[in-house]
Amino acid sequence: MTRAGTFLREYEADIRTFADLRSALDETRPDAVFHLAAQSLVRLSYLRPLDTLQTNVSGTANLLQAVVELGLPCNLVIVTSDKCYENREWVHGLPGNRILWAGTTSTP
């Protein structure tokens, strides 16, 4: 069994700062990027909508742009939360035969 630190490197930075993000990607040339950065607090998004938009939308765009500019042939795993989909107050999870489309509710 190998240690995760052998293969994984962690960077902490503001995803809204394109130059820092691009620099980290250029330095590491990753095979995969797991994007979990987000402002996911709904109430805070009402109080600070511009900050939320810049983090969630511009931050993701910065990541995509940096990967394109650097010509990185890496896998991107972009994680989101259920808060970006319509809350139907279901007591069960999403049925396995339903497909999620970005920014929309599920469709049959």
N, C-alpha and C. Protein backbone atom coordinates (compact mmCIF):
# COMPACT_ATOMS: atom_id res chain seq x y z
N MET A 1 0.85 -1.17 0.00
CA MET A 1 0.00 0.00 0.00
C MET A 1 0.90 1.25 0.00
N THR A 2 0.61 2.19 -0.86
CA THR A 2 1.40 3.41 -0.94
C THR A 2 0.73 4.52 -0.15
N ARG A 3 1.50 5.52 0.17
CA ARG A 3 0.97 6.68 0.90
C ARG A 3 0.37 7.68 -0.09
N ALA A 4 -0.78 8.26 0.27
CA ALA A 4 -1.45 9.21 -0.62
C ALA A 4 -0.56 10.40 -0.94
N GLY A 5 0.27 10.82 -0.01
CA GLY A 5 1.16 11.96 -0.24
C GLY A 5 2.15 11.75 -1.36
N THR A 6 2.38 10.51 -1.72
CA THR A 6 3.27 10.19 -2.82
C THR A 6 2.68 10.66 -4.14
N PHE A 7 1.35 10.58 -4.24
CA PHE A 7 0.66 10.88 -5.49
C PHE A 7 -0.17 12.15 -5.45
N LEU A 8 -0.52 12.61 -4.28
CA LEU A 8 -1.43 13.75 -4.15
C LEU A 8 -0.71 14.98 -3.62
N ARG A 9 -1.07 16.11 -4.17
CA ARG A 9 -0.57 17.39 -3.66
C ARG A 9 -1.76 18.29 -3.42
N GLU A 10 -1.75 18.94 -2.32
CA GLU A 10 -2.85 19.82 -1.96
C GLU A 10 -2.40 21.27 -2.06
N TYR A 11 -3.25 22.09 -2.67
CA TYR A 11 -2.99 23.53 -2.76
C TYR A 11 -4.18 24.26 -2.20
N GLU A 12 -3.91 25.27 -1.42
CA GLU A 12 -4.98 26.11 -0.91
C GLU A 12 -4.80 27.51 -1.47
N ALA A 13 -5.80 27.96 -2.19
CA ALA A 13 -5.75 29.28 -2.82
C ALA A 13 -7.17 29.72 -3.12
N ASP A 14 -7.32 30.97 -3.48
CA ASP A 14 -8.62 31.50 -3.85
C ASP A 14 -8.86 31.17 -5.32
N ILE A 15 -9.86 30.36 -5.58
CA ILE A 15 -10.13 29.91 -6.96
C ILE A 15 -10.50 31.06 -7.87
N ARG A 16 -10.86 32.20 -7.28
CA ARG A 16 -11.21 33.38 -8.08
C ARG A 16 -9.97 34.08 -8.62
N THR A 17 -8.78 33.71 -8.13
CA THR A 17 -7.53 34.32 -8.57
C THR A 17 -6.90 33.45 -9.66
N PHE A 18 -7.18 33.82 -10.90
CA PHE A 18 -6.77 33.01 -12.05
C PHE A 18 -5.26 32.75 -12.08
N ALA A 19 -4.45 33.76 -11.85
CA ALA A 19 -2.99 33.61 -11.97
C ALA A 19 -2.46 32.56 -10.99
N ASP A 20 -2.95 32.56 -9.75
CA ASP A 20 -2.49 31.59 -8.76
C ASP A 20 -2.93 30.18 -9.13
N LEU A 21 -4.16 30.06 -9.60
CA LEU A 21 -4.68 28.76 -10.00
C LEU A 21 -3.90 28.21 -11.18
N ARG A 22 -3.67 29.06 -12.17
CA ARG A 22 -2.92 28.63 -13.36
C ARG A 22 -1.49 28.22 -12.99
N SER A 23 -0.88 28.99 -12.11
CA SER A 23 0.49 28.69 -11.67
C SER A 23 0.57 27.33 -10.97
N ALA A 24 -0.38 27.05 -10.09
CA ALA A 24 -0.39 25.77 -9.38
C ALA A 24 -0.56 24.61 -10.37
N LEU A 25 -1.45 24.78 -11.35
CA LEU A 25 -1.65 23.73 -12.34
C LEU A 25 -0.43 23.56 -13.24
N ASP A 26 0.21 24.66 -13.59
CA ASP A 26 1.40 24.59 -14.44
C ASP A 26 2.55 23.90 -13.69
N GLU A 27 2.67 24.19 -12.41
CA GLU A 27 3.75 23.60 -11.60
C GLU A 27 3.56 22.09 -11.42
N THR A 28 2.32 21.67 -11.23
CA THR A 28 2.07 20.26 -10.92
C THR A 28 1.73 19.39 -12.12
N ARG A 29 1.17 19.99 -13.18
CA ARG A 29 0.77 19.24 -14.38
C ARG A 29 0.00 17.97 -13.99
N PRO A 30 -1.13 18.12 -13.33
CA PRO A 30 -1.84 16.96 -12.77
C PRO A 30 -2.49 16.07 -13.81
N ASP A 31 -2.68 14.82 -13.43
CA ASP A 31 -3.44 13.88 -14.24
C ASP A 31 -4.94 14.05 -13.99
N ALA A 32 -5.26 14.55 -12.79
CA ALA A 32 -6.67 14.74 -12.41
C ALA A 32 -6.77 15.92 -11.46
N VAL A 33 -7.90 16.62 -11.54
CA VAL A 33 -8.19 17.72 -10.63
C VAL A 33 -9.58 17.48 -10.05
N PHE A 34 -9.67 17.52 -8.73
CA PHE A 34 -10.95 17.41 -8.04
C PHE A 34 -11.32 18.80 -7.56
N HIS A 35 -12.33 19.38 -8.17
CA HIS A 35 -12.77 20.75 -7.87
C HIS A 35 -13.94 20.68 -6.90
N LEU A 36 -13.67 21.05 -5.64
CA LEU A 36 -14.69 21.04 -4.61
C LEU A 36 -14.91 22.44 -4.04
N ALA A 37 -14.29 23.44 -4.62
CA ALA A 37 -14.41 24.80 -4.10
C ALA A 37 -15.77 25.37 -4.43
N ALA A 38 -16.44 25.89 -3.43
CA ALA A 38 -17.75 26.49 -3.66
C ALA A 38 -18.20 27.28 -2.45
N GLN A 39 -19.09 28.19 -2.68
CA GLN A 39 -19.82 28.85 -1.61
C GLN A 39 -21.20 28.23 -1.68
N SER A 40 -21.48 27.30 -0.77
CA SER A 40 -22.71 26.50 -0.87
C SER A 40 -23.77 26.85 0.16
N LEU A 41 -23.54 27.86 0.95
CA LEU A 41 -24.53 28.24 1.97
C LEU A 41 -25.61 29.11 1.34
N VAL A 42 -26.82 28.59 1.29
CA VAL A 42 -27.91 29.27 0.59
C VAL A 42 -28.19 30.64 1.18
N ARG A 43 -28.30 30.73 2.48
CA ARG A 43 -28.60 32.04 3.10
C ARG A 43 -27.50 33.06 2.83
N LEU A 44 -26.25 32.61 2.88
CA LEU A 44 -25.15 33.52 2.58
C LEU A 44 -25.21 33.96 1.12
N SER A 45 -25.66 33.09 0.24
CA SER A 45 -25.75 33.46 -1.18
C SER A 45 -26.76 34.58 -1.39
N TYR A 46 -27.79 34.65 -0.56
CA TYR A 46 -28.75 35.75 -0.64
C TYR A 46 -28.15 37.05 -0.12
N LEU A 47 -27.31 36.93 0.89
CA LEU A 47 -26.68 38.11 1.48
C LEU A 47 -25.51 38.61 0.66
N ARG A 48 -24.81 37.69 -0.01
CA ARG A 48 -23.61 38.04 -0.78
C ARG A 48 -23.65 37.37 -2.15
N PRO A 49 -24.62 37.75 -2.97
CA PRO A 49 -24.78 37.06 -4.26
C PRO A 49 -23.58 37.21 -5.20
N LEU A 50 -22.96 38.37 -5.22
CA LEU A 50 -21.82 38.55 -6.12
C LEU A 50 -20.65 37.68 -5.71
N ASP A 51 -20.35 37.60 -4.42
CA ASP A 51 -19.28 36.71 -3.96
C ASP A 51 -19.57 35.26 -4.32
N THR A 52 -20.82 34.86 -4.15
CA THR A 52 -21.22 33.49 -4.47
C THR A 52 -21.04 33.22 -5.95
N LEU A 53 -21.49 34.13 -6.79
CA LEU A 53 -21.35 33.97 -8.23
C LEU A 53 -19.88 33.91 -8.64
N GLN A 54 -19.07 34.79 -8.08
CA GLN A 54 -17.65 34.80 -8.44
C GLN A 54 -16.95 33.52 -8.03
N THR A 55 -17.30 33.00 -6.87
CA THR A 55 -16.68 31.75 -6.41
C THR A 55 -17.15 30.57 -7.24
N ASN A 56 -18.46 30.42 -7.35
CA ASN A 56 -19.01 29.22 -7.96
C ASN A 56 -18.91 29.20 -9.48
N VAL A 57 -19.16 30.32 -10.11
CA VAL A 57 -19.16 30.35 -11.58
C VAL A 57 -17.79 30.79 -12.12
N SER A 58 -17.32 31.94 -11.69
CA SER A 58 -16.03 32.43 -12.20
C SER A 58 -14.89 31.51 -11.77
N GLY A 59 -14.96 30.98 -10.56
CA GLY A 59 -13.91 30.07 -10.10
C GLY A 59 -13.83 28.83 -10.96
N THR A 60 -14.98 28.25 -11.29
CA THR A 60 -14.99 27.08 -12.17
C THR A 60 -14.50 27.45 -13.56
N ALA A 61 -14.92 28.61 -14.06
CA ALA A 61 -14.44 29.07 -15.38
C ALA A 61 -12.93 29.28 -15.36
N ASN A 62 -12.39 29.81 -14.27
CA ASN A 62 -10.94 29.97 -14.15
C ASN A 62 -10.23 28.62 -14.27
N LEU A 63 -10.76 27.62 -13.59
CA LEU A 63 -10.16 26.29 -13.65
C LEU A 63 -10.19 25.75 -15.08
N LEU A 64 -11.33 25.84 -15.72
CA LEU A 64 -11.44 25.34 -17.10
C LEU A 64 -10.51 26.11 -18.04
N GLN A 65 -10.45 27.42 -17.90
CA GLN A 65 -9.59 28.23 -18.76
C GLN A 65 -8.11 27.89 -18.56
N ALA A 66 -7.71 27.71 -17.31
CA ALA A 66 -6.32 27.37 -17.03
C ALA A 66 -5.94 26.03 -17.64
N VAL A 67 -6.82 25.06 -17.53
CA VAL A 67 -6.56 23.74 -18.11
C VAL A 67 -6.43 23.84 -19.64
N VAL A 68 -7.29 24.63 -20.25
CA VAL A 68 -7.24 24.81 -21.71
C VAL A 68 -5.95 25.54 -22.11
N GLU A 69 -5.65 26.65 -21.44
CA GLU A 69 -4.44 27.42 -21.78
C GLU A 69 -3.17 26.60 -21.63
N LEU A 70 -3.12 25.76 -20.62
CA LEU A 70 -1.93 24.96 -20.38
C LEU A 70 -1.90 23.68 -21.21
N GLY A 71 -3.00 23.40 -21.89
CA GLY A 71 -3.07 22.18 -22.70
C GLY A 71 -2.96 20.92 -21.86
N LEU A 72 -3.53 20.94 -20.68
CA LEU A 72 -3.44 19.79 -19.78
C LEU A 72 -4.42 18.68 -20.20
N PRO A 73 -3.91 17.50 -20.45
CA PRO A 73 -4.79 16.38 -20.77
C PRO A 73 -5.24 15.68 -19.48
N CYS A 74 -5.84 16.43 -18.57
CA CYS A 74 -6.19 15.86 -17.27
C CYS A 74 -7.70 15.66 -17.14
N ASN A 75 -8.06 14.78 -16.23
CA ASN A 75 -9.46 14.56 -15.90
C ASN A 75 -9.90 15.60 -14.89
N LEU A 76 -11.08 16.15 -15.08
CA LEU A 76 -11.64 17.11 -14.13
C LEU A 76 -12.86 16.49 -13.47
N VAL A 77 -12.89 16.52 -12.16
CA VAL A 77 -14.05 16.07 -11.41
C VAL A 77 -14.58 17.31 -10.70
N ILE A 78 -15.71 17.80 -11.16
CA ILE A 78 -16.28 19.02 -10.62
C ILE A 78 -17.47 18.63 -9.75
N VAL A 79 -17.33 18.88 -8.46
CA VAL A 79 -18.32 18.46 -7.47
C VAL A 79 -19.23 19.63 -7.15
N THR A 80 -20.51 19.35 -7.03
CA THR A 80 -21.48 20.37 -6.66
C THR A 80 -22.32 19.83 -5.51
N SER A 81 -23.28 20.58 -5.11
CA SER A 81 -24.16 20.12 -4.03
C SER A 81 -25.60 20.07 -4.53
N ASP A 82 -26.45 19.47 -3.73
CA ASP A 82 -27.86 19.41 -4.09
C ASP A 82 -28.52 20.77 -4.02
N LYS A 83 -27.85 21.76 -3.47
CA LYS A 83 -28.44 23.09 -3.30
C LYS A 83 -28.62 23.83 -4.62
N CYS A 84 -27.98 23.37 -5.69
CA CYS A 84 -28.14 24.04 -6.97
C CYS A 84 -29.31 23.48 -7.78
N TYR A 85 -29.99 22.48 -7.23
CA TYR A 85 -31.14 21.90 -7.89
C TYR A 85 -32.40 22.24 -7.11
N GLU A 86 -33.51 22.16 -7.77
CA GLU A 86 -34.78 22.47 -7.14
C GLU A 86 -35.00 21.56 -5.92
N ASN A 87 -35.34 22.17 -4.80
CA ASN A 87 -35.61 21.42 -3.58
C ASN A 87 -37.07 21.00 -3.59
N ARG A 88 -37.31 19.73 -3.77
CA ARG A 88 -38.68 19.22 -3.79
C ARG A 88 -39.07 18.60 -2.46
N GLU A 89 -38.20 18.72 -1.46
CA GLU A 89 -38.45 18.18 -0.12
C GLU A 89 -38.75 16.68 -0.16
N TRP A 90 -38.08 15.96 -1.06
CA TRP A 90 -38.26 14.52 -1.13
C TRP A 90 -37.64 13.87 0.10
N VAL A 91 -38.24 12.82 0.59
CA VAL A 91 -37.67 12.08 1.71
C VAL A 91 -36.75 10.97 1.22
N HIS A 92 -36.76 10.71 -0.08
CA HIS A 92 -35.91 9.68 -0.67
C HIS A 92 -34.86 10.34 -1.56
N GLY A 93 -33.86 9.60 -1.91
CA GLY A 93 -32.84 10.11 -2.82
C GLY A 93 -33.32 10.16 -4.25
N LEU A 94 -32.48 10.66 -5.11
CA LEU A 94 -32.81 10.71 -6.53
C LEU A 94 -32.84 9.30 -7.10
N PRO A 95 -33.92 8.91 -7.78
CA PRO A 95 -33.99 7.56 -8.36
C PRO A 95 -32.82 7.31 -9.31
N GLY A 96 -32.33 6.08 -9.35
CA GLY A 96 -31.18 5.73 -10.16
C GLY A 96 -31.37 5.88 -11.65
N ASN A 97 -32.60 5.95 -12.12
CA ASN A 97 -32.84 6.06 -13.55
C ASN A 97 -33.05 7.50 -14.00
N ARG A 98 -32.73 8.47 -13.15
CA ARG A 98 -32.90 9.88 -13.49
C ARG A 98 -31.54 10.49 -13.81
N ILE A 99 -31.51 11.40 -14.74
CA ILE A 99 -30.27 12.06 -15.16
C ILE A 99 -30.28 13.50 -14.68
N LEU A 100 -29.17 13.97 -14.13
CA LEU A 100 -29.05 15.36 -13.72
C LEU A 100 -28.40 16.15 -14.84
N TRP A 101 -28.96 17.29 -15.14
CA TRP A 101 -28.37 18.19 -16.13
C TRP A 101 -27.87 19.41 -15.37
N ALA A 102 -26.72 19.92 -15.71
CA ALA A 102 -26.10 21.03 -14.99
C ALA A 102 -27.05 22.22 -14.88
N GLY A 103 -27.23 22.70 -13.67
CA GLY A 103 -28.03 23.88 -13.45
C GLY A 103 -29.53 23.68 -13.58
N THR A 104 -29.97 22.44 -13.69
CA THR A 104 -31.41 22.18 -13.83
C THR A 104 -31.83 21.10 -12.86
N THR A 105 -33.09 20.85 -12.80
CA THR A 105 -33.58 19.72 -12.02
C THR A 105 -33.39 18.45 -12.84
N SER A 106 -33.66 17.35 -12.24
CA SER A 106 -33.49 16.07 -12.95
C SER A 106 -34.59 15.90 -13.98
N THR A 107 -34.30 15.09 -14.99
CA THR A 107 -35.29 14.81 -16.04
C THR A 107 -35.43 13.31 -16.18
N PRO A 108 -36.61 12.84 -16.52
CA PRO A 108 -36.80 11.38 -16.67
C PRO A 108 -36.06 10.84 -17.86
